[in-house]
Amino acid sequence: MKKERNYKTTIMILSVLLIFMSGFSGFQFFQKYSKEEIENREELLTAVMWEITSGEDNISREDIEDITVLKAKAGVYPLNYDVAINMKNGDQILYSWKDENKSDVQRTN
């Protein structure tokens, strides 16, 4: 009787630990995924900011209403990210990576 109770207790403890470890692993996975996504968006945004301030387009700060990084639901990484620059006059300019090696950004519209 006592041996059976120890067996049940051990199974319960191991089950609770397994559930806890599964939850913790899932949390760590999604936290890492979110961090990588943020770094990818920031990298593209930084490259676009350099392009619009010192590149051929040279967009004035006063003409920009807001800048947004967009992620497409389909596409190949890193080409599934775009930066949308919304102008005060209603125009929208899109930039994305030129190639998969992230060598440069290009205006897509």
PDB file of N, CA and C in Angstrom:
ATOM      1  N   MET A   1       0.815  -1.187   0.000  1.00  0.00           N
ATOM      2  CA  MET A   1       0.000   0.000   0.000  1.00  0.00           C
ATOM      3  C   MET A   1       0.863   1.257   0.000  1.00  0.00           C
ATOM      4  N   LYS A   2       1.886   1.268   0.854  1.00  0.00           N
ATOM      5  CA  LYS A   2       2.762   2.421   0.950  1.00  0.00           C
ATOM      6  C   LYS A   2       3.579   2.575  -0.331  1.00  0.00           C
ATOM      7  N   LYS A   3       3.998   1.454  -0.920  1.00  0.00           N
ATOM      8  CA  LYS A   3       4.783   1.479  -2.144  1.00  0.00           C
ATOM      9  C   LYS A   3       3.944   2.042  -3.298  1.00  0.00           C
ATOM     10  N   GLU A   4       2.656   1.678  -3.322  1.00  0.00           N
ATOM     11  CA  GLU A   4       1.760   2.166  -4.370  1.00  0.00           C
ATOM     12  C   GLU A   4       1.550   3.676  -4.239  1.00  0.00           C
ATOM     13  N   ARG A   5       1.447   4.165  -3.025  1.00  0.00           N
ATOM     14  CA  ARG A   5       1.256   5.597  -2.794  1.00  0.00           C
ATOM     15  C   ARG A   5       2.498   6.380  -3.197  1.00  0.00           C
ATOM     16  N   ASN A   6       3.692   5.873  -2.920  1.00  0.00           N
ATOM     17  CA  ASN A   6       4.932   6.524  -3.344  1.00  0.00           C
ATOM     18  C   ASN A   6       5.033   6.565  -4.868  1.00  0.00           C
ATOM     19  N   TYR A   7       4.573   5.502  -5.507  1.00  0.00           N
ATOM     20  CA  TYR A   7       4.584   5.435  -6.964  1.00  0.00           C
ATOM     21  C   TYR A   7       3.661   6.513  -7.561  1.00  0.00           C
ATOM     22  N   LYS A   8       2.457   6.663  -7.012  1.00  0.00           N
ATOM     23  CA  LYS A   8       1.510   7.666  -7.486  1.00  0.00           C
ATOM     24  C   LYS A   8       2.036   9.077  -7.244  1.00  0.00           C
ATOM     25  N   THR A   9       2.653   9.280  -6.095  1.00  0.00           N
ATOM     26  CA  THR A   9       3.219  10.587  -5.779  1.00  0.00           C
ATOM     27  C   THR A   9       4.342  10.935  -6.753  1.00  0.00           C
ATOM     28  N   THR A  10       5.191   9.970  -7.038  1.00  0.00           N
ATOM     29  CA  THR A  10       6.292  10.195  -7.965  1.00  0.00           C
ATOM     30  C   THR A  10       5.765  10.529  -9.363  1.00  0.00           C
ATOM     31  N   ILE A  11       4.764   9.810  -9.813  1.00  0.00           N
ATOM     32  CA  ILE A  11       4.162  10.069 -11.129  1.00  0.00           C
ATOM     33  C   ILE A  11       3.555  11.474 -11.171  1.00  0.00           C
ATOM     34  N   MET A  12       2.867  11.878 -10.114  1.00  0.00           N
ATOM     35  CA  MET A  12       2.262  13.213 -10.064  1.00  0.00           C
ATOM     36  C   MET A  12       3.324  14.298 -10.117  1.00  0.00           C
ATOM     37  N   ILE A  13       4.385  14.146  -9.351  1.00  0.00           N
ATOM     38  CA  ILE A  13       5.457  15.139  -9.335  1.00  0.00           C
ATOM     39  C   ILE A  13       6.120  15.234 -10.704  1.00  0.00           C
ATOM     40  N   LEU A  14       6.411  14.098 -11.323  1.00  0.00           N
ATOM     41  CA  LEU A  14       7.029  14.104 -12.644  1.00  0.00           C
ATOM     42  C   LEU A  14       6.092  14.709 -13.704  1.00  0.00           C
ATOM     43  N   SER A  15       4.798  14.457 -13.587  1.00  0.00           N
ATOM     44  CA  SER A  15       3.830  15.039 -14.526  1.00  0.00           C
ATOM     45  C   SER A  15       3.781  16.551 -14.399  1.00  0.00           C
ATOM     46  N   VAL A  16       3.758  17.045 -13.171  1.00  0.00           N
ATOM     47  CA  VAL A  16       3.734  18.489 -12.945  1.00  0.00           C
ATOM     48  C   VAL A  16       5.024  19.125 -13.472  1.00  0.00           C
ATOM     49  N   LEU A  17       6.156  18.497 -13.228  1.00  0.00           N
ATOM     50  CA  LEU A  17       7.423  19.022 -13.739  1.00  0.00           C
ATOM     51  C   LEU A  17       7.463  19.027 -15.265  1.00  0.00           C
ATOM     52  N   LEU A  18       6.927  17.997 -15.881  1.00  0.00           N
ATOM     53  CA  LEU A  18       6.889  17.927 -17.342  1.00  0.00           C
ATOM     54  C   LEU A  18       6.023  19.045 -17.926  1.00  0.00           C
ATOM     55  N   ILE A  19       4.877  19.283 -17.325  1.00  0.00           N
ATOM     56  CA  ILE A  19       3.997  20.361 -17.787  1.00  0.00           C
ATOM     57  C   ILE A  19       4.674  21.716 -17.593  1.00  0.00           C
ATOM     58  N   PHE A  20       5.297  21.915 -16.446  1.00  0.00           N
ATOM     59  CA  PHE A  20       5.995  23.172 -16.180  1.00  0.00           C
ATOM     60  C   PHE A  20       7.126  23.395 -17.169  1.00  0.00           C
ATOM     61  N   MET A  21       7.927  22.371 -17.424  1.00  0.00           N
ATOM     62  CA  MET A  21       9.053  22.501 -18.353  1.00  0.00           C
ATOM     63  C   MET A  21       8.574  22.752 -19.783  1.00  0.00           C
ATOM     64  N   SER A  22       7.476  22.129 -20.183  1.00  0.00           N
ATOM     65  CA  SER A  22       6.920  22.362 -21.523  1.00  0.00           C
ATOM     66  C   SER A  22       6.455  23.806 -21.668  1.00  0.00           C
ATOM     67  N   GLY A  23       5.784  24.318 -20.679  1.00  0.00           N
ATOM     68  CA  GLY A  23       5.333  25.710 -20.697  1.00  0.00           C
ATOM     69  C   GLY A  23       6.493  26.681 -20.721  1.00  0.00           C
ATOM     70  N   PHE A  24       7.502  26.420 -19.922  1.00  0.00           N
ATOM     71  CA  PHE A  24       8.677  27.289 -19.871  1.00  0.00           C
ATOM     72  C   PHE A  24       9.435  27.266 -21.198  1.00  0.00           C
ATOM     73  N   SER A  25       9.558  26.092 -21.816  1.00  0.00           N
ATOM     74  CA  SER A  25      10.232  25.982 -23.113  1.00  0.00           C
ATOM     75  C   SER A  25       9.473  26.750 -24.195  1.00  0.00           C
ATOM     76  N   GLY A  26       8.152  26.647 -24.188  1.00  0.00           N
ATOM     77  CA  GLY A  26       7.343  27.395 -25.144  1.00  0.00           C
ATOM     78  C   GLY A  26       7.499  28.893 -24.960  1.00  0.00           C
ATOM     79  N   PHE A  27       7.508  29.343 -23.722  1.00  0.00           N
ATOM     80  CA  PHE A  27       7.713  30.761 -23.427  1.00  0.00           C
ATOM     81  C   PHE A  27       9.058  31.239 -23.942  1.00  0.00           C
ATOM     82  N   GLN A  28      10.116  30.476 -23.692  1.00  0.00           N
ATOM     83  CA  GLN A  28      11.457  30.845 -24.161  1.00  0.00           C
ATOM     84  C   GLN A  28      11.521  30.903 -25.680  1.00  0.00           C
ATOM     85  N   PHE A  29      10.864  29.957 -26.364  1.00  0.00           N
ATOM     86  CA  PHE A  29      10.870  29.926 -27.820  1.00  0.00           C
ATOM     87  C   PHE A  29      10.228  31.188 -28.393  1.00  0.00           C
ATOM     88  N   PHE A  30       9.048  31.558 -27.888  1.00  0.00           N
ATOM     89  CA  PHE A  30       8.360  32.729 -28.419  1.00  0.00           C
ATOM     90  C   PHE A  30       9.068  34.021 -28.051  1.00  0.00           C
ATOM     91  N   GLN A  31       9.725  34.055 -26.916  1.00  0.00           N
ATOM     92  CA  GLN A  31      10.480  35.241 -26.543  1.00  0.00           C
ATOM     93  C   GLN A  31      11.672  35.422 -27.479  1.00  0.00           C
ATOM     94  N   LYS A  32      12.364  34.334 -27.811  1.00  0.00           N
ATOM     95  CA  LYS A  32      13.490  34.392 -28.744  1.00  0.00           C
ATOM     96  C   LYS A  32      13.004  34.793 -30.133  1.00  0.00           C
ATOM     97  N   TYR A  33      11.878  34.226 -30.573  1.00  0.00           N
ATOM     98  CA  TYR A  33      11.316  34.546 -31.882  1.00  0.00           C
ATOM     99  C   TYR A  33      10.970  36.029 -31.974  1.00  0.00           C
ATOM    100  N   SER A  34      10.376  36.579 -30.928  1.00  0.00           N
ATOM    101  CA  SER A  34      10.015  37.991 -30.914  1.00  0.00           C
ATOM    102  C   SER A  34      11.252  38.875 -30.947  1.00  0.00           C
ATOM    103  N   LYS A  35      12.270  38.489 -30.226  1.00  0.00           N
ATOM    104  CA  LYS A  35      13.502  39.284 -30.193  1.00  0.00           C
ATOM    105  C   LYS A  35      14.165  39.306 -31.563  1.00  0.00           C
ATOM    106  N   GLU A  36      14.215  38.167 -32.255  1.00  0.00           N
ATOM    107  CA  GLU A  36      14.801  38.125 -33.584  1.00  0.00           C
ATOM    108  C   GLU A  36      14.000  38.964 -34.563  1.00  0.00           C
ATOM    109  N   GLU A  37      12.688  38.940 -34.440  1.00  0.00           N
ATOM    110  CA  GLU A  37      11.839  39.738 -35.329  1.00  0.00           C
ATOM    111  C   GLU A  37      12.075  41.230 -35.119  1.00  0.00           C
ATOM    112  N   ILE A  38      12.210  41.649 -33.887  1.00  0.00           N
ATOM    113  CA  ILE A  38      12.482  43.056 -33.584  1.00  0.00           C
ATOM    114  C   ILE A  38      13.831  43.469 -34.160  1.00  0.00           C
ATOM    115  N   GLU A  39      14.831  42.631 -34.004  1.00  0.00           N
ATOM    116  CA  GLU A  39      16.160  42.955 -34.542  1.00  0.00           C
ATOM    117  C   GLU A  39      16.134  43.065 -36.062  1.00  0.00           C
ATOM    118  N   ASN A  40      15.381  42.189 -36.730  1.00  0.00           N
ATOM    119  CA  ASN A  40      15.280  42.247 -38.189  1.00  0.00           C
ATOM    120  C   ASN A  40      14.594  43.527 -38.645  1.00  0.00           C
ATOM    121  N   ARG A  41      13.523  43.913 -37.975  1.00  0.00           N
ATOM    122  CA  ARG A  41      12.820  45.152 -38.331  1.00  0.00           C
ATOM    123  C   ARG A  41      13.704  46.366 -38.109  1.00  0.00           C
ATOM    124  N   GLU A  42      14.425  46.391 -36.992  1.00  0.00           N
ATOM    125  CA  GLU A  42      15.299  47.526 -36.696  1.00  0.00           C
ATOM    126  C   GLU A  42      16.438  47.634 -37.699  1.00  0.00           C
ATOM    127  N   GLU A  43      16.966  46.500 -38.134  1.00  0.00           N
ATOM    128  CA  GLU A  43      18.046  46.509 -39.113  1.00  0.00           C
ATOM    129  C   GLU A  43      17.577  47.125 -40.437  1.00  0.00           C
ATOM    130  N   LEU A  44      16.390  46.738 -40.900  1.00  0.00           N
ATOM    131  CA  LEU A  44      15.853  47.307 -42.134  1.00  0.00           C
ATOM    132  C   LEU A  44      15.530  48.781 -41.954  1.00  0.00           C
ATOM    133  N   LEU A  45      14.935  49.137 -40.833  1.00  0.00           N
ATOM    134  CA  LEU A  45      14.591  50.534 -40.585  1.00  0.00           C
ATOM    135  C   LEU A  45      15.832  51.418 -40.562  1.00  0.00           C
ATOM    136  N   THR A  46      16.899  50.946 -39.951  1.00  0.00           N
ATOM    137  CA  THR A  46      18.145  51.701 -39.913  1.00  0.00           C
ATOM    138  C   THR A  46      18.717  51.905 -41.310  1.00  0.00           C
ATOM    139  N   ALA A  47      18.704  50.841 -42.119  1.00  0.00           N
ATOM    140  CA  ALA A  47      19.220  50.948 -43.486  1.00  0.00           C
ATOM    141  C   ALA A  47      18.389  51.922 -44.318  1.00  0.00           C
ATOM    142  N   VAL A  48      17.075  51.889 -44.138  1.00  0.00           N
ATOM    143  CA  VAL A  48      16.207  52.807 -44.887  1.00  0.00           C
ATOM    144  C   VAL A  48      16.431  54.244 -44.435  1.00  0.00           C
ATOM    145  N   MET A  49      16.605  54.459 -43.151  1.00  0.00           N
ATOM    146  CA  MET A  49      16.850  55.819 -42.666  1.00  0.00           C
ATOM    147  C   MET A  49      18.135  56.389 -43.257  1.00  0.00           C
ATOM    148  N   TRP A  50      19.169  55.564 -43.356  1.00  0.00           N
ATOM    149  CA  TRP A  50      20.401  56.014 -44.000  1.00  0.00           C
ATOM    150  C   TRP A  50      20.155  56.340 -45.472  1.00  0.00           C
ATOM    151  N   GLU A  51      19.345  55.535 -46.127  1.00  0.00           N
ATOM    152  CA  GLU A  51      19.062  55.738 -47.547  1.00  0.00           C
ATOM    153  C   GLU A  51      18.300  57.031 -47.800  1.00  0.00           C
ATOM    154  N   ILE A  52      17.289  57.302 -46.985  1.00  0.00           N
ATOM    155  CA  ILE A  52      16.480  58.495 -47.267  1.00  0.00           C
ATOM    156  C   ILE A  52      17.157  59.787 -46.823  1.00  0.00           C
ATOM    157  N   THR A  53      18.104  59.702 -45.913  1.00  0.00           N
ATOM    158  CA  THR A  53      18.786  60.936 -45.497  1.00  0.00           C
ATOM    159  C   THR A  53      20.026  61.238 -46.313  1.00  0.00           C
ATOM    160  N   SER A  54      20.681  60.192 -46.832  1.00  0.00           N
ATOM    161  CA  SER A  54      21.916  60.452 -47.566  1.00  0.00           C
ATOM    162  C   SER A  54      21.921  59.879 -48.974  1.00  0.00           C
ATOM    163  N   GLY A  55      20.842  59.229 -49.379  1.00  0.00           N
ATOM    164  CA  GLY A  55      20.789  58.607 -50.696  1.00  0.00           C
ATOM    165  C   GLY A  55      20.243  59.544 -51.751  1.00  0.00           C
ATOM    166  N   GLU A  56      19.820  58.958 -52.861  1.00  0.00           N
ATOM    167  CA  GLU A  56      19.306  59.731 -53.992  1.00  0.00           C
ATOM    168  C   GLU A  56      17.986  60.420 -53.676  1.00  0.00           C
ATOM    169  N   ASP A  57      17.132  59.770 -52.874  1.00  0.00           N
ATOM    170  CA  ASP A  57      15.805  60.313 -52.617  1.00  0.00           C
ATOM    171  C   ASP A  57      15.848  61.571 -51.754  1.00  0.00           C
ATOM    172  N   ASN A  58      16.655  61.564 -50.718  1.00  0.00           N
ATOM    173  CA  ASN A  58      16.828  62.702 -49.813  1.00  0.00           C
ATOM    174  C   ASN A  58      15.487  63.343 -49.452  1.00  0.00           C
ATOM    175  N   ILE A  59      14.679  62.601 -48.708  1.00  0.00           N
ATOM    176  CA  ILE A  59      13.351  63.061 -48.312  1.00  0.00           C
ATOM    177  C   ILE A  59      13.477  63.986 -47.107  1.00  0.00           C
ATOM    178  N   SER A  60      12.786  65.093 -47.180  1.00  0.00           N
ATOM    179  CA  SER A  60      12.828  66.070 -46.102  1.00  0.00           C
ATOM    180  C   SER A  60      12.043  65.569 -44.890  1.00  0.00           C
ATOM    181  N   ARG A  61      12.548  65.846 -43.728  1.00  0.00           N
ATOM    182  CA  ARG A  61      11.905  65.430 -42.483  1.00  0.00           C
ATOM    183  C   ARG A  61      10.527  66.070 -42.327  1.00  0.00           C
ATOM    184  N   GLU A  62      10.379  67.289 -42.801  1.00  0.00           N
ATOM    185  CA  GLU A  62       9.109  67.995 -42.673  1.00  0.00           C
ATOM    186  C   GLU A  62       8.012  67.396 -43.550  1.00  0.00           C
ATOM    187  N   ASP A  63       8.381  66.678 -44.611  1.00  0.00           N
ATOM    188  CA  ASP A  63       7.399  66.084 -45.521  1.00  0.00           C
ATOM    189  C   ASP A  63       6.871  64.736 -45.036  1.00  0.00           C
ATOM    190  N   ILE A  64       7.512  64.136 -44.042  1.00  0.00           N
ATOM    191  CA  ILE A  64       7.149  62.801 -43.563  1.00  0.00           C
ATOM    192  C   ILE A  64       6.114  62.910 -42.450  1.00  0.00           C
ATOM    193  N   GLU A  65       5.029  62.138 -42.613  1.00  0.00           N
ATOM    194  CA  GLU A  65       4.013  62.074 -41.553  1.00  0.00           C
ATOM    195  C   GLU A  65       4.378  60.984 -40.546  1.00  0.00           C
ATOM    196  N   ASP A  66       4.642  59.753 -41.035  1.00  0.00           N
ATOM    197  CA  ASP A  66       5.092  58.681 -40.153  1.00  0.00           C
ATOM    198  C   ASP A  66       5.810  57.606 -40.962  1.00  0.00           C
ATOM    199  N   ILE A  67       6.543  56.767 -40.244  1.00  0.00           N
ATOM    200  CA  ILE A  67       7.311  55.672 -40.841  1.00  0.00           C
ATOM    201  C   ILE A  67       6.924  54.399 -40.098  1.00  0.00           C
ATOM    202  N   THR A  68       6.598  53.355 -40.877  1.00  0.00           N
ATOM    203  CA  THR A  68       6.132  52.108 -40.297  1.00  0.00           C
ATOM    204  C   THR A  68       6.863  50.943 -40.940  1.00  0.00           C
ATOM    205  N   VAL A  69       7.221  49.946 -40.137  1.00  0.00           N
ATOM    206  CA  VAL A  69       7.801  48.714 -40.671  1.00  0.00           C
ATOM    207  C   VAL A  69       6.672  47.696 -40.792  1.00  0.00           C
ATOM    208  N   LEU A  70       6.537  47.116 -41.986  1.00  0.00           N
ATOM    209  CA  LEU A  70       5.473  46.158 -42.263  1.00  0.00           C
ATOM    210  C   LEU A  70       6.067  44.775 -42.465  1.00  0.00           C
ATOM    211  N   LYS A  71       5.355  43.758 -41.998  1.00  0.00           N
ATOM    212  CA  LYS A  71       5.763  42.380 -42.224  1.00  0.00           C
ATOM    213  C   LYS A  71       4.675  41.689 -43.017  1.00  0.00           C
ATOM    214  N   ALA A  72       5.046  41.138 -44.177  1.00  0.00           N
ATOM    215  CA  ALA A  72       4.087  40.428 -45.011  1.00  0.00           C
ATOM    216  C   ALA A  72       3.809  39.056 -44.403  1.00  0.00           C
ATOM    217  N   LYS A  73       2.615  38.553 -44.623  1.00  0.00           N
ATOM    218  CA  LYS A  73       2.263  37.226 -44.129  1.00  0.00           C
ATOM    219  C   LYS A  73       2.874  36.136 -44.998  1.00  0.00           C
ATOM    220  N   ALA A  74       3.277  36.494 -46.198  1.00  0.00           N
ATOM    221  CA  ALA A  74       3.922  35.544 -47.106  1.00  0.00           C
ATOM    222  C   ALA A  74       5.223  36.168 -47.595  1.00  0.00           C
ATOM    223  N   GLY A  75       6.099  35.330 -48.083  1.00  0.00           N
ATOM    224  CA  GLY A  75       7.363  35.830 -48.605  1.00  0.00           C
ATOM    225  C   GLY A  75       8.532  35.128 -47.978  1.00  0.00           C
ATOM    226  N   VAL A  76       9.673  35.382 -48.541  1.00  0.00           N
ATOM    227  CA  VAL A  76      10.908  34.759 -48.092  1.00  0.00           C
ATOM    228  C   VAL A  76      11.659  35.752 -47.220  1.00  0.00           C
ATOM    229  N   TYR A  77      12.150  35.278 -46.069  1.00  0.00           N
ATOM    230  CA  TYR A  77      12.944  36.134 -45.191  1.00  0.00           C
ATOM    231  C   TYR A  77      14.206  36.533 -45.935  1.00  0.00           C
ATOM    232  N   PRO A  78      14.692  37.712 -45.853  1.00  0.00           N
ATOM    233  CA  PRO A  78      14.235  38.937 -45.203  1.00  0.00           C
ATOM    234  C   PRO A  78      13.401  39.821 -46.117  1.00  0.00           C
ATOM    235  N   LEU A  79      13.025  39.305 -47.274  1.00  0.00           N
ATOM    236  CA  LEU A  79      12.288  40.109 -48.243  1.00  0.00           C
ATOM    237  C   LEU A  79      10.823  40.289 -47.872  1.00  0.00           C
ATOM    238  N   ASN A  80      10.377  39.706 -46.781  1.00  0.00           N
ATOM    239  CA  ASN A  80       8.987  39.863 -46.367  1.00  0.00           C
ATOM    240  C   ASN A  80       8.779  41.083 -45.473  1.00  0.00           C
ATOM    241  N   TYR A  81       9.823  41.874 -45.265  1.00  0.00           N
ATOM    242  CA  TYR A  81       9.718  43.108 -44.500  1.00  0.00           C
ATOM    243  C   TYR A  81       9.773  44.306 -45.442  1.00  0.00           C
ATOM    244  N   ASP A  82       8.957  45.315 -45.157  1.00  0.00           N
ATOM    245  CA  ASP A  82       8.966  46.567 -45.903  1.00  0.00           C
ATOM    246  C   ASP A  82       8.923  47.719 -44.916  1.00  0.00           C
ATOM    247  N   VAL A  83       9.453  48.858 -45.343  1.00  0.00           N
ATOM    248  CA  VAL A  83       9.314  50.086 -44.576  1.00  0.00           C
ATOM    249  C   VAL A  83       8.424  51.010 -45.384  1.00  0.00           C
ATOM    250  N   ALA A  84       7.338  51.464 -44.780  1.00  0.00           N
ATOM    251  CA  ALA A  84       6.407  52.381 -45.432  1.00  0.00           C
ATOM    252  C   ALA A  84       6.618  53.774 -44.872  1.00  0.00           C
ATOM    253  N   ILE A  85       6.909  54.708 -45.766  1.00  0.00           N
ATOM    254  CA  ILE A  85       7.048  56.104 -45.375  1.00  0.00           C
ATOM    255  C   ILE A  85       5.802  56.819 -45.879  1.00  0.00           C
ATOM    256  N   ASN A  86       4.965  57.243 -44.960  1.00  0.00           N
ATOM    257  CA  ASN A  86       3.737  57.959 -45.302  1.00  0.00           C
ATOM    258  C   ASN A  86       4.031  59.452 -45.295  1.00  0.00           C
ATOM    259  N   MET A  87       3.779  60.068 -46.438  1.00  0.00           N
ATOM    260  CA  MET A  87       4.069  61.487 -46.604  1.00  0.00           C
ATOM    261  C   MET A  87       2.841  62.317 -46.220  1.00  0.00           C
ATOM    262  N   LYS A  88       3.054  63.566 -45.885  1.00  0.00           N
ATOM    263  CA  LYS A  88       1.955  64.455 -45.504  1.00  0.00           C
ATOM    264  C   LYS A  88       1.023  64.731 -46.671  1.00  0.00           C
ATOM    265  N   ASN A  89       1.508  64.612 -47.897  1.00  0.00           N
ATOM    266  CA  ASN A  89       0.662  64.866 -49.060  1.00  0.00           C
ATOM    267  C   ASN A  89      -0.168  63.642 -49.457  1.00  0.00           C
ATOM    268  N   GLY A  90      -0.085  62.539 -48.704  1.00  0.00           N
ATOM    269  CA  GLY A  90      -0.873  61.349 -48.959  1.00  0.00           C
ATOM    270  C   GLY A  90      -0.135  60.246 -49.697  1.00  0.00           C
ATOM    271  N   ASP A  91       1.040  60.517 -50.212  1.00  0.00           N
ATOM    272  CA  ASP A  91       1.826  59.496 -50.906  1.00  0.00           C
ATOM    273  C   ASP A  91       2.428  58.522 -49.898  1.00  0.00           C
ATOM    274  N   GLN A  92       2.733  57.323 -50.391  1.00  0.00           N
ATOM    275  CA  GLN A  92       3.405  56.330 -49.568  1.00  0.00           C
ATOM    276  C   GLN A  92       4.584  55.774 -50.357  1.00  0.00           C
ATOM    277  N   ILE A  93       5.733  55.736 -49.723  1.00  0.00           N
ATOM    278  CA  ILE A  93       6.942  55.207 -50.348  1.00  0.00           C
ATOM    279  C   ILE A  93       7.330  53.938 -49.603  1.00  0.00           C
ATOM    280  N   LEU A  94       7.581  52.859 -50.354  1.00  0.00           N
ATOM    281  CA  LEU A  94       7.950  51.577 -49.757  1.00  0.00           C
ATOM    282  C   LEU A  94       9.400  51.246 -50.078  1.00  0.00           C
ATOM    283  N   TYR A  95      10.097  50.749 -49.077  1.00  0.00           N
ATOM    284  CA  TYR A  95      11.466  50.272 -49.234  1.00  0.00           C
ATOM    285  C   TYR A  95      11.545  48.847 -48.714  1.00  0.00           C
ATOM    286  N   SER A  96      12.413  48.038 -49.318  1.00  0.00           N
ATOM    287  CA  SER A  96      12.700  46.704 -48.792  1.00  0.00           C
ATOM    288  C   SER A  96      14.134  46.350 -49.144  1.00  0.00           C
ATOM    289  N   TRP A  97      14.574  45.189 -48.682  1.00  0.00           N
ATOM    290  CA  TRP A  97      15.924  44.747 -48.986  1.00  0.00           C
ATOM    291  C   TRP A  97      16.048  44.442 -50.479  1.00  0.00           C
ATOM    292  N   LYS A  98      17.197  44.734 -51.047  1.00  0.00           N
ATOM    293  CA  LYS A  98      17.439  44.491 -52.469  1.00  0.00           C
ATOM    294  C   LYS A  98      17.608  43.006 -52.755  1.00  0.00           C
ATOM    295  N   ASP A  99      18.241  42.288 -51.834  1.00  0.00           N
ATOM    296  CA  ASP A  99      18.472  40.853 -52.021  1.00  0.00           C
ATOM    297  C   ASP A  99      18.428  40.144 -50.672  1.00  0.00           C
ATOM    298  N   GLU A 100      18.584  38.846 -50.705  1.00  0.00           N
ATOM    299  CA  GLU A 100      18.505  38.061 -49.476  1.00  0.00           C
ATOM    300  C   GLU A 100      19.714  38.256 -48.565  1.00  0.00           C
ATOM    301  N   ASN A 101      20.788  38.812 -49.080  1.00  0.00           N
ATOM    302  CA  ASN A 101      21.991  39.055 -48.283  1.00  0.00           C
ATOM    303  C   ASN A 101      21.949  40.384 -47.542  1.00  0.00           C
ATOM    304  N   LYS A 102      20.863  41.134 -47.704  1.00  0.00           N
ATOM    305  CA  LYS A 102      20.689  42.436 -47.064  1.00  0.00           C
ATOM    306  C   LYS A 102      21.815  43.395 -47.428  1.00  0.00           C
ATOM    307  N   SER A 103      22.231  43.383 -48.685  1.00  0.00           N
ATOM    308  CA  SER A 103      23.338  44.217 -49.110  1.00  0.00           C
ATOM    309  C   SER A 103      22.961  45.679 -49.211  1.00  0.00           C
ATOM    310  N   ASP A 104      21.713  45.955 -49.595  1.00  0.00           N
ATOM    311  CA  ASP A 104      21.270  47.324 -49.754  1.00  0.00           C
ATOM    312  C   ASP A 104      19.749  47.355 -49.768  1.00  0.00           C
ATOM    313  N   VAL A 105      19.175  48.544 -49.612  1.00  0.00           N
ATOM    314  CA  VAL A 105      17.727  48.685 -49.690  1.00  0.00           C
ATOM    315  C   VAL A 105      17.363  49.305 -51.025  1.00  0.00           C
ATOM    316  N   GLN A 106      16.127  49.073 -51.437  1.00  0.00           N
ATOM    317  CA  GLN A 106      15.655  49.656 -52.695  1.00  0.00           C
ATOM    318  C   GLN A 106      14.230  50.141 -52.518  1.00  0.00           C
ATOM    319  N   ARG A 107      13.908  51.148 -53.297  1.00  0.00           N
ATOM    320  CA  ARG A 107      12.546  51.664 -53.308  1.00  0.00           C
ATOM    321  C   ARG A 107      11.711  50.733 -54.169  1.00  0.00           C
ATOM    322  N   THR A 108      10.595  50.243 -53.639  1.00  0.00           N
ATOM    323  CA  THR A 108       9.812  49.250 -54.369  1.00  0.00           C
ATOM    324  C   THR A 108       8.603  49.849 -55.071  1.00  0.00           C
ATOM    325  N   ASN A 109       8.302  51.115 -54.890  1.00  0.00           N
ATOM    326  CA  ASN A 109       7.198  51.721 -55.643  1.00  0.00           C
ATOM    327  C   ASN A 109       7.590  53.062 -56.191  1.00  0.00           C
TER     328      ASN A 109
END
